[in-house]
Amino acid sequence: MAGIMTKAAAGVILGGGLLFTGGMGLAGAQPVTNVGEGLVNVGIGNVTVLRNVNVEVAAAVAAAVCPSVDAAAGILGSVEAVDQGGETFNCDTAAENGPLSITQNGPANSPNGANAPGQQRG
């Protein structure tokens, strides 16, 4: 009986040690970021109409929908800057639905982005 208890105690100690060290390895992992992968979100007003769309497509949409945007004036560069840096590109549309906005895609831009795994700090 003492041998069984010794083996059980050793198993608990070794198993707990493995779980502890495995958990420490996971805790130090870097969160996944979506900066600079060539995809953005396009929204009109407060509605996202295109998610994870290529920057060229987003630039074409902005050139087609926004009368103030000149397609030859380097709109693609502005949209690529959104993808690289995370800032937002806005322009007024001819529709009454609100301005067109192009934002970086990813969990931080979703409605519950602050509660997404890897986004909670503290």
PDB file of N, CA and C in Angstrom:
ATOM      1  N   MET A   1       0.817  -1.190   0.000  1.00  0.00           N
ATOM      2  CA  MET A   1       0.000   0.000   0.000  1.00  0.00           C
ATOM      3  C   MET A   1       0.862   1.255   0.000  1.00  0.00           C
ATOM      4  N   ALA A   2       1.980   1.190   0.710  1.00  0.00           N
ATOM      5  CA  ALA A   2       2.863   2.358   0.772  1.00  0.00           C
ATOM      6  C   ALA A   2       3.471   2.637  -0.597  1.00  0.00           C
ATOM      7  N   GLY A   3       3.732   1.585  -1.385  1.00  0.00           N
ATOM      8  CA  GLY A   3       4.303   1.763  -2.718  1.00  0.00           C
ATOM      9  C   GLY A   3       3.336   2.477  -3.651  1.00  0.00           C
ATOM     10  N   ILE A   4       2.052   2.156  -3.524  1.00  0.00           N
ATOM     11  CA  ILE A   4       1.045   2.807  -4.362  1.00  0.00           C
ATOM     12  C   ILE A   4       0.948   4.288  -4.014  1.00  0.00           C
ATOM     13  N   MET A   5       0.965   4.604  -2.724  1.00  0.00           N
ATOM     14  CA  MET A   5       0.887   5.999  -2.288  1.00  0.00           C
ATOM     15  C   MET A   5       2.120   6.780  -2.729  1.00  0.00           C
ATOM     16  N   THR A   6       3.283   6.133  -2.675  1.00  0.00           N
ATOM     17  CA  THR A   6       4.518   6.794  -3.101  1.00  0.00           C
ATOM     18  C   THR A   6       4.466   7.097  -4.592  1.00  0.00           C
ATOM     19  N   LYS A   7       3.999   6.117  -5.379  1.00  0.00           N
ATOM     20  CA  LYS A   7       3.897   6.333  -6.824  1.00  0.00           C
ATOM     21  C   LYS A   7       2.858   7.406  -7.154  1.00  0.00           C
ATOM     22  N   ALA A   8       1.753   7.418  -6.438  1.00  0.00           N
ATOM     23  CA  ALA A   8       0.718   8.424  -6.667  1.00  0.00           C
ATOM     24  C   ALA A   8       1.235   9.818  -6.328  1.00  0.00           C
ATOM     25  N   ALA A   9       1.938   9.933  -5.210  1.00  0.00           N
ATOM     26  CA  ALA A   9       2.487  11.230  -4.807  1.00  0.00           C
ATOM     27  C   ALA A   9       3.531  11.709  -5.814  1.00  0.00           C
ATOM     28  N   ALA A  10       4.371  10.796  -6.282  1.00  0.00           N
ATOM     29  CA  ALA A  10       5.386  11.160  -7.271  1.00  0.00           C
ATOM     30  C   ALA A  10       4.714  11.595  -8.578  1.00  0.00           C
ATOM     31  N   GLY A  11       3.648  10.914  -8.961  1.00  0.00           N
ATOM     32  CA  GLY A  11       2.919  11.281 -10.174  1.00  0.00           C
ATOM     33  C   GLY A  11       2.291  12.660 -10.069  1.00  0.00           C
ATOM     34  N   VAL A  12       1.747  12.965  -8.901  1.00  0.00           N
ATOM     35  CA  VAL A  12       1.143  14.283  -8.693  1.00  0.00           C
ATOM     36  C   VAL A  12       2.204  15.375  -8.772  1.00  0.00           C
ATOM     37  N   ILE A  13       3.342  15.148  -8.142  1.00  0.00           N
ATOM     38  CA  ILE A  13       4.415  16.151  -8.139  1.00  0.00           C
ATOM     39  C   ILE A  13       4.966  16.350  -9.546  1.00  0.00           C
ATOM     40  N   LEU A  14       5.249  15.257 -10.250  1.00  0.00           N
ATOM     41  CA  LEU A  14       5.784  15.382 -11.605  1.00  0.00           C
ATOM     42  C   LEU A  14       4.753  15.982 -12.564  1.00  0.00           C
ATOM     43  N   GLY A  15       3.518  15.535 -12.462  1.00  0.00           N
ATOM     44  CA  GLY A  15       2.467  16.065 -13.333  1.00  0.00           C
ATOM     45  C   GLY A  15       2.219  17.544 -13.081  1.00  0.00           C
ATOM     46  N   GLY A  16       2.177  17.928 -11.820  1.00  0.00           N
ATOM     47  CA  GLY A  16       1.997  19.344 -11.485  1.00  0.00           C
ATOM     48  C   GLY A  16       3.156  20.188 -11.970  1.00  0.00           C
ATOM     49  N   GLY A  17       4.361  19.644 -11.864  1.00  0.00           N
ATOM     50  CA  GLY A  17       5.538  20.370 -12.347  1.00  0.00           C
ATOM     51  C   GLY A  17       5.492  20.570 -13.851  1.00  0.00           C
ATOM     52  N   LEU A  18       5.051  19.546 -14.581  1.00  0.00           N
ATOM     53  CA  LEU A  18       4.936  19.679 -16.034  1.00  0.00           C
ATOM     54  C   LEU A  18       3.860  20.690 -16.420  1.00  0.00           C
ATOM     55  N   LEU A  19       2.731  20.661 -15.723  1.00  0.00           N
ATOM     56  CA  LEU A  19       1.674  21.625 -16.015  1.00  0.00           C
ATOM     57  C   LEU A  19       2.125  23.046 -15.712  1.00  0.00           C
ATOM     58  N   PHE A  20       2.861  23.211 -14.614  1.00  0.00           N
ATOM     59  CA  PHE A  20       3.332  24.541 -14.242  1.00  0.00           C
ATOM     60  C   PHE A  20       4.314  25.086 -15.268  1.00  0.00           C
ATOM     61  N   THR A  21       5.297  24.295 -15.654  1.00  0.00           N
ATOM     62  CA  THR A  21       6.291  24.784 -16.610  1.00  0.00           C
ATOM     63  C   THR A  21       5.683  24.953 -18.000  1.00  0.00           C
ATOM     64  N   GLY A  22       4.757  24.094 -18.374  1.00  0.00           N
ATOM     65  CA  GLY A  22       4.081  24.254 -19.666  1.00  0.00           C
ATOM     66  C   GLY A  22       3.248  25.521 -19.692  1.00  0.00           C
ATOM     67  N   GLY A  23       2.578  25.824 -18.601  1.00  0.00           N
ATOM     68  CA  GLY A  23       1.789  27.045 -18.508  1.00  0.00           C
ATOM     69  C   GLY A  23       2.649  28.291 -18.555  1.00  0.00           C
ATOM     70  N   MET A  24       3.820  28.235 -17.966  1.00  0.00           N
ATOM     71  CA  MET A  24       4.716  29.390 -18.003  1.00  0.00           C
ATOM     72  C   MET A  24       5.200  29.646 -19.428  1.00  0.00           C
ATOM     73  N   GLY A  25       5.407  28.588 -20.190  1.00  0.00           N
ATOM     74  CA  GLY A  25       5.827  28.764 -21.579  1.00  0.00           C
ATOM     75  C   GLY A  25       4.742  29.416 -22.418  1.00  0.00           C
ATOM     76  N   LEU A  26       3.492  29.082 -22.163  1.00  0.00           N
ATOM     77  CA  LEU A  26       2.388  29.683 -22.903  1.00  0.00           C
ATOM     78  C   LEU A  26       2.155  31.130 -22.494  1.00  0.00           C
ATOM     79  N   ALA A  27       2.393  31.442 -21.234  1.00  0.00           N
ATOM     80  CA  ALA A  27       2.134  32.795 -20.749  1.00  0.00           C
ATOM     81  C   ALA A  27       3.076  33.812 -21.379  1.00  0.00           C
ATOM     82  N   GLY A  28       4.252  33.400 -21.798  1.00  0.00           N
ATOM     83  CA  GLY A  28       5.208  34.332 -22.374  1.00  0.00           C
ATOM     84  C   GLY A  28       5.070  34.507 -23.873  1.00  0.00           C
ATOM     85  N   ALA A  29       4.060  33.906 -24.481  1.00  0.00           N
ATOM     86  CA  ALA A  29       3.904  33.982 -25.935  1.00  0.00           C
ATOM     87  C   ALA A  29       3.459  35.381 -26.354  1.00  0.00           C
ATOM     88  N   GLN A  30       3.940  35.822 -27.508  1.00  0.00           N
ATOM     89  CA  GLN A  30       3.550  37.115 -28.056  1.00  0.00           C
ATOM     90  C   GLN A  30       2.162  37.009 -28.680  1.00  0.00           C
ATOM     91  N   PRO A  31       1.304  38.031 -28.506  1.00  0.00           N
ATOM     92  CA  PRO A  31       0.010  37.998 -29.182  1.00  0.00           C
ATOM     93  C   PRO A  31       0.189  38.143 -30.691  1.00  0.00           C
ATOM     94  N   VAL A  32      -0.733  37.554 -31.424  1.00  0.00           N
ATOM     95  CA  VAL A  32      -0.682  37.615 -32.881  1.00  0.00           C
ATOM     96  C   VAL A  32      -1.083  39.013 -33.337  1.00  0.00           C
ATOM     97  N   THR A  33      -0.323  39.588 -34.252  1.00  0.00           N
ATOM     98  CA  THR A  33      -0.661  40.898 -34.799  1.00  0.00           C
ATOM     99  C   THR A  33      -0.946  40.760 -36.289  1.00  0.00           C
ATOM    100  N   ASN A  34      -1.749  41.657 -36.803  1.00  0.00           N
ATOM    101  CA  ASN A  34      -2.141  41.610 -38.210  1.00  0.00           C
ATOM    102  C   ASN A  34      -1.573  42.770 -39.008  1.00  0.00           C
ATOM    103  N   VAL A  35      -0.550  43.420 -38.511  1.00  0.00           N
ATOM    104  CA  VAL A  35      -0.025  44.608 -39.167  1.00  0.00           C
ATOM    105  C   VAL A  35       0.748  44.227 -40.417  1.00  0.00           C
ATOM    106  N   GLY A  36       0.410  44.842 -41.529  1.00  0.00           N
ATOM    107  CA  GLY A  36       1.185  44.713 -42.742  1.00  0.00           C
ATOM    108  C   GLY A  36       1.005  43.445 -43.536  1.00  0.00           C
ATOM    109  N   GLU A  37      -0.152  42.794 -43.436  1.00  0.00           N
ATOM    110  CA  GLU A  37      -0.343  41.571 -44.198  1.00  0.00           C
ATOM    111  C   GLU A  37      -1.095  41.805 -45.498  1.00  0.00           C
ATOM    112  N   GLY A  38      -1.433  43.062 -45.802  1.00  0.00           N
ATOM    113  CA  GLY A  38      -2.066  43.390 -47.074  1.00  0.00           C
ATOM    114  C   GLY A  38      -3.578  43.372 -47.060  1.00  0.00           C
ATOM    115  N   LEU A  39      -4.195  43.270 -45.879  1.00  0.00           N
ATOM    116  CA  LEU A  39      -5.649  43.211 -45.778  1.00  0.00           C
ATOM    117  C   LEU A  39      -6.164  44.323 -44.874  1.00  0.00           C
ATOM    118  N   VAL A  40      -7.302  44.895 -45.227  1.00  0.00           N
ATOM    119  CA  VAL A  40      -7.935  45.959 -44.446  1.00  0.00           C
ATOM    120  C   VAL A  40      -9.445  45.728 -44.408  1.00  0.00           C
ATOM    121  N   ASN A  41     -10.135  46.519 -43.582  1.00  0.00           N
ATOM    122  CA  ASN A  41     -11.592  46.508 -43.521  1.00  0.00           C
ATOM    123  C   ASN A  41     -12.115  47.810 -44.113  1.00  0.00           C
ATOM    124  N   VAL A  42     -13.238  47.740 -44.820  1.00  0.00           N
ATOM    125  CA  VAL A  42     -13.863  48.917 -45.420  1.00  0.00           C
ATOM    126  C   VAL A  42     -15.254  49.056 -44.825  1.00  0.00           C
ATOM    127  N   GLY A  43     -15.567  50.260 -44.345  1.00  0.00           N
ATOM    128  CA  GLY A  43     -16.871  50.509 -43.759  1.00  0.00           C
ATOM    129  C   GLY A  43     -17.487  51.781 -44.295  1.00  0.00           C
ATOM    130  N   ILE A  44     -18.813  51.839 -44.255  1.00  0.00           N
ATOM    131  CA  ILE A  44     -19.546  53.055 -44.602  1.00  0.00           C
ATOM    132  C   ILE A  44     -20.408  53.392 -43.400  1.00  0.00           C
ATOM    133  N   GLY A  45     -20.227  54.596 -42.883  1.00  0.00           N
ATOM    134  CA  GLY A  45     -20.916  54.966 -41.652  1.00  0.00           C
ATOM    135  C   GLY A  45     -20.382  54.123 -40.511  1.00  0.00           C
ATOM    136  N   ASN A  46     -21.282  53.467 -39.791  1.00  0.00           N
ATOM    137  CA  ASN A  46     -20.848  52.604 -38.694  1.00  0.00           C
ATOM    138  C   ASN A  46     -20.986  51.118 -39.037  1.00  0.00           C
ATOM    139  N   VAL A  47     -21.054  50.794 -40.328  1.00  0.00           N
ATOM    140  CA  VAL A  47     -21.211  49.410 -40.774  1.00  0.00           C
ATOM    141  C   VAL A  47     -19.982  48.988 -41.580  1.00  0.00           C
ATOM    142  N   THR A  48     -19.375  47.879 -41.186  1.00  0.00           N
ATOM    143  CA  THR A  48     -18.264  47.327 -41.959  1.00  0.00           C
ATOM    144  C   THR A  48     -18.853  46.515 -43.102  1.00  0.00           C
ATOM    145  N   VAL A  49     -18.562  46.926 -44.339  1.00  0.00           N
ATOM    146  CA  VAL A  49     -19.145  46.252 -45.500  1.00  0.00           C
ATOM    147  C   VAL A  49     -18.192  45.238 -46.126  1.00  0.00           C
ATOM    148  N   LEU A  50     -16.896  45.428 -45.972  1.00  0.00           N
ATOM    149  CA  LEU A  50     -15.903  44.477 -46.483  1.00  0.00           C
ATOM    150  C   LEU A  50     -14.887  44.201 -45.384  1.00  0.00           C
ATOM    151  N   ARG A  51     -14.687  42.937 -45.075  1.00  0.00           N
ATOM    152  CA  ARG A  51     -13.700  42.548 -44.061  1.00  0.00           C
ATOM    153  C   ARG A  51     -12.564  41.785 -44.724  1.00  0.00           C
ATOM    154  N   ASN A  52     -11.351  42.068 -44.257  1.00  0.00           N
ATOM    155  CA  ASN A  52     -10.155  41.361 -44.724  1.00  0.00           C
ATOM    156  C   ASN A  52     -10.024  41.408 -46.246  1.00  0.00           C
ATOM    157  N   VAL A  53     -10.193  42.594 -46.804  1.00  0.00           N
ATOM    158  CA  VAL A  53     -10.111  42.770 -48.249  1.00  0.00           C
ATOM    159  C   VAL A  53      -8.715  43.284 -48.607  1.00  0.00           C
ATOM    160  N   ASN A  54      -8.265  42.934 -49.794  1.00  0.00           N
ATOM    161  CA  ASN A  54      -6.950  43.347 -50.270  1.00  0.00           C
ATOM    162  C   ASN A  54      -6.880  44.874 -50.370  1.00  0.00           C
ATOM    163  N   VAL A  55      -5.697  45.449 -50.115  1.00  0.00           N
ATOM    164  CA  VAL A  55      -5.558  46.913 -50.137  1.00  0.00           C
ATOM    165  C   VAL A  55      -5.874  47.501 -51.510  1.00  0.00           C
ATOM    166  N   GLU A  56      -5.578  46.783 -52.587  1.00  0.00           N
ATOM    167  CA  GLU A  56      -5.890  47.285 -53.925  1.00  0.00           C
ATOM    168  C   GLU A  56      -7.398  47.393 -54.134  1.00  0.00           C
ATOM    169  N   VAL A  57      -8.135  46.419 -53.631  1.00  0.00           N
ATOM    170  CA  VAL A  57      -9.596  46.444 -53.749  1.00  0.00           C
ATOM    171  C   VAL A  57     -10.162  47.594 -52.921  1.00  0.00           C
ATOM    172  N   ALA A  58      -9.644  47.786 -51.719  1.00  0.00           N
ATOM    173  CA  ALA A  58     -10.114  48.882 -50.866  1.00  0.00           C
ATOM    174  C   ALA A  58      -9.840  50.235 -51.516  1.00  0.00           C
ATOM    175  N   ALA A  59      -8.688  50.388 -52.147  1.00  0.00           N
ATOM    176  CA  ALA A  59      -8.365  51.638 -52.838  1.00  0.00           C
ATOM    177  C   ALA A  59      -9.304  51.863 -54.015  1.00  0.00           C
ATOM    178  N   ALA A  60      -9.641  50.808 -54.741  1.00  0.00           N
ATOM    179  CA  ALA A  60     -10.570  50.924 -55.867  1.00  0.00           C
ATOM    180  C   ALA A  60     -11.963  51.314 -55.386  1.00  0.00           C
ATOM    181  N   VAL A  61     -12.399  50.751 -54.257  1.00  0.00           N
ATOM    182  CA  VAL A  61     -13.704  51.105 -53.695  1.00  0.00           C
ATOM    183  C   VAL A  61     -13.713  52.576 -53.291  1.00  0.00           C
ATOM    184  N   ALA A  62     -12.652  53.027 -52.629  1.00  0.00           N
ATOM    185  CA  ALA A  62     -12.578  54.432 -52.214  1.00  0.00           C
ATOM    186  C   ALA A  62     -12.600  55.363 -53.421  1.00  0.00           C
ATOM    187  N   ALA A  63     -11.893  55.004 -54.474  1.00  0.00           N
ATOM    188  CA  ALA A  63     -11.867  55.836 -55.683  1.00  0.00           C
ATOM    189  C   ALA A  63     -13.235  55.874 -56.361  1.00  0.00           C
ATOM    190  N   ALA A  64     -13.994  54.775 -56.280  1.00  0.00           N
ATOM    191  CA  ALA A  64     -15.303  54.712 -56.930  1.00  0.00           C
ATOM    192  C   ALA A  64     -16.400  55.394 -56.112  1.00  0.00           C
ATOM    193  N   VAL A  65     -16.303  55.341 -54.791  1.00  0.00           N
ATOM    194  CA  VAL A  65     -17.389  55.808 -53.928  1.00  0.00           C
ATOM    195  C   VAL A  65     -17.206  57.252 -53.471  1.00  0.00           C
ATOM    196  N   CYS A  66     -15.981  57.680 -53.298  1.00  0.00           N
ATOM    197  CA  CYS A  66     -15.709  59.018 -52.767  1.00  0.00           C
ATOM    198  C   CYS A  66     -15.393  59.989 -53.902  1.00  0.00           C
ATOM    199  N   PRO A  67     -16.256  60.989 -54.124  1.00  0.00           N
ATOM    200  CA  PRO A  67     -15.990  61.931 -55.207  1.00  0.00           C
ATOM    201  C   PRO A  67     -14.756  62.803 -54.953  1.00  0.00           C
ATOM    202  N   SER A  68     -14.365  62.952 -53.698  1.00  0.00           N
ATOM    203  CA  SER A  68     -13.211  63.802 -53.383  1.00  0.00           C
ATOM    204  C   SER A  68     -11.874  63.089 -53.565  1.00  0.00           C
ATOM    205  N   VAL A  69     -11.905  61.772 -53.808  1.00  0.00           N
ATOM    206  CA  VAL A  69     -10.675  60.990 -53.937  1.00  0.00           C
ATOM    207  C   VAL A  69     -10.280  60.901 -55.402  1.00  0.00           C
ATOM    208  N   ASP A  70      -9.062  61.269 -55.693  1.00  0.00           N
ATOM    209  CA  ASP A  70      -8.515  61.162 -57.044  1.00  0.00           C
ATOM    210  C   ASP A  70      -7.736  59.855 -57.129  1.00  0.00           C
ATOM    211  N   ALA A  71      -8.177  58.954 -57.992  1.00  0.00           N
ATOM    212  CA  ALA A  71      -7.545  57.631 -58.091  1.00  0.00           C
ATOM    213  C   ALA A  71      -6.083  57.726 -58.492  1.00  0.00           C
ATOM    214  N   ALA A  72      -5.727  58.748 -59.247  1.00  0.00           N
ATOM    215  CA  ALA A  72      -4.345  58.887 -59.705  1.00  0.00           C
ATOM    216  C   ALA A  72      -3.457  59.575 -58.670  1.00  0.00           C
ATOM    217  N   ALA A  73      -4.053  60.047 -57.578  1.00  0.00           N
ATOM    218  CA  ALA A  73      -3.301  60.832 -56.596  1.00  0.00           C
ATOM    219  C   ALA A  73      -2.646  59.979 -55.522  1.00  0.00           C
ATOM    220  N   GLY A  74      -2.565  58.712 -55.730  1.00  0.00           N
ATOM    221  CA  GLY A  74      -1.873  57.869 -54.760  1.00  0.00           C
ATOM    222  C   GLY A  74      -2.746  57.353 -53.641  1.00  0.00           C
ATOM    223  N   ILE A  75      -4.002  57.064 -53.939  1.00  0.00           N
ATOM    224  CA  ILE A  75      -4.892  56.511 -52.921  1.00  0.00           C
ATOM    225  C   ILE A  75      -4.381  55.168 -52.413  1.00  0.00           C
ATOM    226  N   LEU A  76      -3.748  54.394 -53.290  1.00  0.00           N
ATOM    227  CA  LEU A  76      -3.219  53.092 -52.878  1.00  0.00           C
ATOM    228  C   LEU A  76      -2.171  53.264 -51.783  1.00  0.00           C
ATOM    229  N   GLY A  77      -1.341  54.285 -51.894  1.00  0.00           N
ATOM    230  CA  GLY A  77      -0.337  54.540 -50.859  1.00  0.00           C
ATOM    231  C   GLY A  77      -0.970  54.854 -49.517  1.00  0.00           C
ATOM    232  N   SER A  78      -2.075  55.596 -49.528  1.00  0.00           N
ATOM    233  CA  SER A  78      -2.778  55.913 -48.282  1.00  0.00           C
ATOM    234  C   SER A  78      -3.380  54.667 -47.653  1.00  0.00           C
ATOM    235  N   VAL A  79      -3.942  53.788 -48.481  1.00  0.00           N
ATOM    236  CA  VAL A  79      -4.537  52.556 -47.960  1.00  0.00           C
ATOM    237  C   VAL A  79      -3.446  51.611 -47.456  1.00  0.00           C
ATOM    238  N   GLU A  80      -2.319  51.552 -48.140  1.00  0.00           N
ATOM    239  CA  GLU A  80      -1.206  50.727 -47.661  1.00  0.00           C
ATOM    240  C   GLU A  80      -0.667  51.253 -46.338  1.00  0.00           C
ATOM    241  N   ALA A  81      -0.698  52.575 -46.139  1.00  0.00           N
ATOM    242  CA  ALA A  81      -0.276  53.150 -44.857  1.00  0.00           C
ATOM    243  C   ALA A  81      -1.206  52.712 -43.733  1.00  0.00           C
ATOM    244  N   VAL A  82      -2.500  52.579 -44.032  1.00  0.00           N
ATOM    245  CA  VAL A  82      -3.446  52.059 -43.040  1.00  0.00           C
ATOM    246  C   VAL A  82      -3.060  50.635 -42.667  1.00  0.00           C
ATOM    247  N   ASP A  83      -2.732  49.829 -43.662  1.00  0.00           N
ATOM    248  CA  ASP A  83      -2.360  48.438 -43.410  1.00  0.00           C
ATOM    249  C   ASP A  83      -1.072  48.344 -42.602  1.00  0.00           C
ATOM    250  N   GLN A  84      -0.126  49.206 -42.860  1.00  0.00           N
ATOM    251  CA  GLN A  84       1.165  49.151 -42.170  1.00  0.00           C
ATOM    252  C   GLN A  84       1.112  49.768 -40.779  1.00  0.00           C
ATOM    253  N   GLY A  85       0.404  50.891 -40.634  1.00  0.00           N
ATOM    254  CA  GLY A  85       0.462  51.619 -39.377  1.00  0.00           C
ATOM    255  C   GLY A  85      -0.769  51.552 -38.512  1.00  0.00           C
ATOM    256  N   GLY A  86      -1.881  51.137 -39.071  1.00  0.00           N
ATOM    257  CA  GLY A  86      -3.082  51.001 -38.273  1.00  0.00           C
ATOM    258  C   GLY A  86      -3.952  52.243 -38.188  1.00  0.00           C
ATOM    259  N   GLU A  87      -3.538  53.382 -38.780  1.00  0.00           N
ATOM    260  CA  GLU A  87      -4.409  54.554 -38.744  1.00  0.00           C
ATOM    261  C   GLU A  87      -5.608  54.321 -39.658  1.00  0.00           C
ATOM    262  N   THR A  88      -6.536  55.246 -39.659  1.00  0.00           N
ATOM    263  CA  THR A  88      -7.768  55.107 -40.432  1.00  0.00           C
ATOM    264  C   THR A  88      -7.773  56.092 -41.591  1.00  0.00           C
ATOM    265  N   PHE A  89      -8.248  55.648 -42.750  1.00  0.00           N
ATOM    266  CA  PHE A  89      -8.450  56.515 -43.910  1.00  0.00           C
ATOM    267  C   PHE A  89      -9.940  56.797 -44.007  1.00  0.00           C
ATOM    268  N   ASN A  90     -10.324  58.067 -44.077  1.00  0.00           N
ATOM    269  CA  ASN A  90     -11.725  58.466 -44.185  1.00  0.00           C
ATOM    270  C   ASN A  90     -11.920  59.361 -45.394  1.00  0.00           C
ATOM    271  N   CYS A  91     -13.081  59.243 -46.024  1.00  0.00           N
ATOM    272  CA  CYS A  91     -13.463  60.172 -47.089  1.00  0.00           C
ATOM    273  C   CYS A  91     -14.986  60.250 -47.129  1.00  0.00           C
ATOM    274  N   ASP A  92     -15.491  61.402 -47.566  1.00  0.00           N
ATOM    275  CA  ASP A  92     -16.937  61.602 -47.665  1.00  0.00           C
ATOM    276  C   ASP A  92     -17.468  60.928 -48.919  1.00  0.00           C
ATOM    277  N   THR A  93     -18.619  60.274 -48.778  1.00  0.00           N
ATOM    278  CA  THR A  93     -19.258  59.612 -49.913  1.00  0.00           C
ATOM    279  C   THR A  93     -20.396  60.485 -50.432  1.00  0.00           C
ATOM    280  N   ALA A  94     -20.884  60.153 -51.609  1.00  0.00           N
ATOM    281  CA  ALA A  94     -22.030  60.861 -52.169  1.00  0.00           C
ATOM    282  C   ALA A  94     -23.325  60.409 -51.502  1.00  0.00           C
ATOM    283  N   ALA A  95     -23.309  59.255 -50.852  1.00  0.00           N
ATOM    284  CA  ALA A  95     -24.502  58.719 -50.195  1.00  0.00           C
ATOM    285  C   ALA A  95     -24.714  59.394 -48.844  1.00  0.00           C
ATOM    286  N   GLU A  96     -25.909  59.254 -48.315  1.00  0.00           N
ATOM    287  CA  GLU A  96     -26.238  59.838 -47.017  1.00  0.00           C
ATOM    288  C   GLU A  96     -25.945  58.876 -45.869  1.00  0.00           C
ATOM    289  N   ASN A  97     -25.336  57.751 -46.159  1.00  0.00           N
ATOM    290  CA  ASN A  97     -25.095  56.739 -45.132  1.00  0.00           C
ATOM    291  C   ASN A  97     -23.911  57.056 -44.239  1.00  0.00           C
ATOM    292  N   GLY A  98     -23.103  58.003 -44.611  1.00  0.00           N
ATOM    293  CA  GLY A  98     -21.953  58.365 -43.801  1.00  0.00           C
ATOM    294  C   GLY A  98     -20.670  58.231 -44.577  1.00  0.00           C
ATOM    295  N   PRO A  99     -19.558  58.591 -43.947  1.00  0.00           N
ATOM    296  CA  PRO A  99     -18.269  58.547 -44.638  1.00  0.00           C
ATOM    297  C   PRO A  99     -17.763  57.120 -44.816  1.00  0.00           C
ATOM    298  N   LEU A 100     -16.922  56.951 -45.810  1.00  0.00           N
ATOM    299  CA  LEU A 100     -16.244  55.672 -46.021  1.00  0.00           C
ATOM    300  C   LEU A 100     -15.005  55.664 -45.134  1.00  0.00           C
ATOM    301  N   SER A 101     -14.767  54.562 -44.454  1.00  0.00           N
ATOM    302  CA  SER A 101     -13.572  54.445 -43.623  1.00  0.00           C
ATOM    303  C   SER A 101     -12.861  53.140 -43.951  1.00  0.00           C
ATOM    304  N   ILE A 102     -11.544  53.219 -44.012  1.00  0.00           N
ATOM    305  CA  ILE A 102     -10.710  52.042 -44.235  1.00  0.00           C
ATOM    306  C   ILE A 102      -9.826  51.898 -43.010  1.00  0.00           C
ATOM    307  N   THR A 103      -9.925  50.742 -42.345  1.00  0.00           N
ATOM    308  CA  THR A 103      -9.184  50.500 -41.106  1.00  0.00           C
ATOM    309  C   THR A 103      -8.392  49.206 -41.212  1.00  0.00           C
ATOM    310  N   GLN A 104      -7.412  49.065 -40.351  1.00  0.00           N
ATOM    311  CA  GLN A 104      -6.631  47.830 -40.271  1.00  0.00           C
ATOM    312  C   GLN A 104      -7.545  46.709 -39.798  1.00  0.00           C
ATOM    313  N   ASN A 105      -7.422  45.545 -40.411  1.00  0.00           N
ATOM    314  CA  ASN A 105      -8.240  44.410 -40.002  1.00  0.00           C
ATOM    315  C   ASN A 105      -7.631  43.767 -38.764  1.00  0.00           C
ATOM    316  N   GLY A 106      -8.383  42.890 -38.135  1.00  0.00           N
ATOM    317  CA  GLY A 106      -7.863  42.178 -36.977  1.00  0.00           C
ATOM    318  C   GLY A 106      -8.814  42.236 -35.807  1.00  0.00           C
ATOM    319  N   PRO A 107      -8.503  41.517 -34.740  1.00  0.00           N
ATOM    320  CA  PRO A 107      -9.411  41.440 -33.604  1.00  0.00           C
ATOM    321  C   PRO A 107      -9.601  42.767 -32.890  1.00  0.00           C
ATOM    322  N   ALA A 108      -8.631  43.669 -32.978  1.00  0.00           N
ATOM    323  CA  ALA A 108      -8.764  44.950 -32.285  1.00  0.00           C
ATOM    324  C   ALA A 108      -9.844  45.818 -32.900  1.00  0.00           C
ATOM    325  N   ASN A 109     -10.246  45.559 -34.131  1.00  0.00           N
ATOM    326  CA  ASN A 109     -11.258  46.367 -34.796  1.00  0.00           C
ATOM    327  C   ASN A 109     -12.634  45.722 -34.788  1.00  0.00           C
ATOM    328  N   SER A 110     -12.794  44.597 -34.125  1.00  0.00           N
ATOM    329  CA  SER A 110     -14.097  43.960 -34.054  1.00  0.00           C
ATOM    330  C   SER A 110     -14.897  44.589 -32.911  1.00  0.00           C
ATOM    331  N   PRO A 111     -16.229  44.419 -32.904  1.00  0.00           N
ATOM    332  CA  PRO A 111     -17.035  45.044 -31.853  1.00  0.00           C
ATOM    333  C   PRO A 111     -16.610  44.650 -30.439  1.00  0.00           C
ATOM    334  N   ASN A 112     -16.202  43.420 -30.235  1.00  0.00           N
ATOM    335  CA  ASN A 112     -15.754  42.969 -28.919  1.00  0.00           C
ATOM    336  C   ASN A 112     -14.255  42.753 -28.896  1.00  0.00           C
ATOM    337  N   GLY A 113     -13.522  43.562 -29.643  1.00  0.00           N
ATOM    338  CA  GLY A 113     -12.079  43.390 -29.775  1.00  0.00           C
ATOM    339  C   GLY A 113     -11.336  43.460 -28.460  1.00  0.00           C
ATOM    340  N   ALA A 114     -11.820  44.271 -27.522  1.00  0.00           N
ATOM    341  CA  ALA A 114     -11.129  44.390 -26.239  1.00  0.00           C
ATOM    342  C   ALA A 114     -11.221  43.100 -25.438  1.00  0.00           C
ATOM    343  N   ASN A 115     -12.220  42.265 -25.724  1.00  0.00           N
ATOM    344  CA  ASN A 115     -12.388  41.015 -24.990  1.00  0.00           C
ATOM    345  C   ASN A 115     -11.821  39.812 -25.722  1.00  0.00           C
ATOM    346  N   ALA A 116     -11.222  40.023 -26.888  1.00  0.00           N
ATOM    347  CA  ALA A 116     -10.671  38.915 -27.664  1.00  0.00           C
ATOM    348  C   ALA A 116      -9.457  38.329 -26.957  1.00  0.00           C
ATOM    349  N   PRO A 117      -9.224  37.027 -27.089  1.00  0.00           N
ATOM    350  CA  PRO A 117      -8.046  36.424 -26.474  1.00  0.00           C
ATOM    351  C   PRO A 117      -6.776  37.097 -26.972  1.00  0.00           C
ATOM    352  N   GLY A 118      -5.892  37.389 -26.058  1.00  0.00           N
ATOM    353  CA  GLY A 118      -4.639  38.032 -26.401  1.00  0.00           C
ATOM    354  C   GLY A 118      -4.719  39.546 -26.428  1.00  0.00           C
ATOM    355  N   GLN A 119      -5.914  40.114 -26.296  1.00  0.00           N
ATOM    356  CA  GLN A 119      -6.071  41.567 -26.323  1.00  0.00           C
ATOM    357  C   GLN A 119      -6.248  42.154 -24.930  1.00  0.00           C
ATOM    358  N   GLN A 120      -6.451  41.304 -23.933  1.00  0.00           N
ATOM    359  CA  GLN A 120      -6.676  41.790 -22.580  1.00  0.00           C
ATOM    360  C   GLN A 120      -5.343  42.069 -21.914  1.00  0.00           C
ATOM    361  N   ARG A 121      -5.224  43.207 -21.327  1.00  0.00           N
ATOM    362  CA  ARG A 121      -3.995  43.592 -20.637  1.00  0.00           C
ATOM    363  C   ARG A 121      -4.296  43.784 -19.156  1.00  0.00           C
ATOM    364  N   GLY A 122      -3.372  43.331 -18.345  1.00  0.00           N
ATOM    365  CA  GLY A 122      -3.509  43.603 -16.917  1.00  0.00           C
ATOM    366  C   GLY A 122      -3.765  42.444 -16.073  1.00  0.00           C
TER     367      GLY A 122
END
